[in-house]
């Protein structure tokens, strides 16, 4: 598990300010619960998995700053894709 610190904190629906996110390996049974749509694209799909890692609704991560999002995707990739450290193309 790794902690990713947000440069620009976001606020959860309950008013909690989120300053960091946890990144961890997911189990298959967890990944099956994520409804990834083609319109999500690779970044949107990755953010849905990060939301799952943090028990947050995916809409919370829609508010993440663009710079934080790019850094977060880079940090999360090794937890989601074997070996290459980046999202594979489909």
Protein backbone atom coordinates (compact mmCIF):
# COMPACT_ATOMS: atom_id res chain seq x y z
CA UNK A 1 0.00 0.00 0.00
CA UNK A 2 1.09 3.52 -0.74
CA UNK A 3 -0.20 6.94 0.27
CA UNK A 4 -0.66 9.58 -2.43
CA UNK A 5 -0.75 13.14 -1.10
CA UNK A 6 -2.97 15.56 -3.02
CA UNK A 7 -1.43 18.93 -3.79
CA UNK A 8 -4.97 20.32 -4.07
CA UNK A 9 -7.32 18.70 -1.51
CA UNK A 10 -10.88 17.79 -2.44
CA UNK A 11 -14.02 17.62 -0.31
CA UNK A 12 -16.17 14.50 0.16
CA UNK A 13 -19.99 14.78 0.19
CA UNK A 14 -19.98 14.62 4.01
CA UNK A 15 -17.71 17.69 4.14
CA UNK A 16 -14.51 15.78 4.95
CA UNK A 17 -11.47 17.35 3.31
CA UNK A 18 -9.43 14.68 1.53
CA UNK A 19 -5.71 15.44 1.48
CA UNK A 20 -4.43 11.97 0.60
CA UNK A 21 -5.54 8.75 -1.05
CA UNK A 22 -4.48 5.18 -0.38
CA UNK A 23 -3.30 3.02 -3.28
CA UNK A 24 -3.36 -0.74 -2.91
CA UNK A 25 -3.73 -3.89 -4.94
CA UNK A 26 -7.34 -4.89 -5.53
CA UNK A 27 -8.83 -8.37 -5.48
CA UNK A 28 -10.72 -9.65 -8.49
CA UNK A 29 -13.98 -9.69 -6.55
CA UNK A 30 -13.52 -5.97 -5.82
CA UNK A 31 -12.69 -5.12 -9.41
CA UNK A 32 -15.85 -6.86 -10.62
CA UNK A 33 -17.94 -4.34 -8.67
CA UNK A 34 -16.64 -1.39 -10.71
CA UNK A 35 -18.88 -0.42 -13.63
CA UNK A 36 -16.36 0.80 -16.22
CA UNK A 37 -17.95 2.35 -19.30
CA UNK A 38 -16.21 3.00 -22.65
CA UNK A 39 -16.97 6.70 -22.14
CA UNK A 40 -14.85 6.67 -18.95
CA UNK A 41 -11.66 6.30 -20.96
CA UNK A 42 -8.52 4.98 -19.33
CA UNK A 43 -8.21 7.82 -16.83
CA UNK A 44 -11.83 7.63 -15.76
CA UNK A 45 -11.58 3.88 -15.32
CA UNK A 46 -8.43 4.24 -13.22
CA UNK A 47 -10.10 6.90 -11.06
CA UNK A 48 -13.04 4.53 -10.43
CA UNK A 49 -10.59 1.91 -9.14
CA UNK A 50 -8.82 4.47 -6.95
CA UNK A 51 -12.22 5.52 -5.57
CA UNK A 52 -12.86 1.86 -4.71
CA UNK A 53 -9.48 1.61 -2.97
CA UNK A 54 -10.58 4.51 -0.76
CA UNK A 55 -14.24 3.56 -0.23
CA UNK A 56 -15.33 6.76 -1.97
CA UNK A 57 -18.01 7.31 -4.60
CA UNK A 58 -16.31 7.83 -7.98
CA UNK A 59 -17.95 11.25 -8.25
CA UNK A 60 -15.70 12.50 -5.43
CA UNK A 61 -12.63 11.98 -7.59
CA UNK A 62 -14.28 13.92 -10.42
CA UNK A 63 -13.30 17.00 -8.39
CA UNK A 64 -9.58 16.21 -8.34
CA UNK A 65 -7.29 18.85 -9.81
CA UNK A 66 -5.91 17.97 -13.25
CA UNK A 67 -2.28 18.01 -12.10
CA UNK A 68 -3.09 15.79 -9.14
CA UNK A 69 -5.06 13.47 -11.44
CA UNK A 70 -2.15 12.96 -13.82
CA UNK A 71 0.25 12.27 -10.96
CA UNK A 72 -2.28 9.99 -9.26
CA UNK A 73 -2.82 7.91 -12.41
CA UNK A 74 0.94 7.44 -12.70
CA UNK A 75 1.19 6.32 -9.07
CA UNK A 76 -1.87 4.05 -9.31
CA UNK A 77 -0.86 2.31 -12.56
CA UNK A 78 1.49 -0.26 -10.97
CA UNK A 79 -1.39 -1.35 -8.71
CA UNK A 80 -3.66 -1.89 -11.73
CA UNK A 81 -1.41 -3.15 -14.53
CA UNK A 82 1.24 -5.82 -14.21
CA UNK A 83 4.83 -5.03 -15.03
CA UNK A 84 4.74 -2.00 -17.29
CA UNK A 85 3.62 0.63 -14.78
CA UNK A 86 1.14 2.23 -17.16
CA UNK A 87 -2.38 1.62 -18.39
CA UNK A 88 -2.41 -0.75 -21.37
CA UNK A 89 -4.24 0.22 -24.50
CA UNK A 90 -7.28 -1.79 -25.43
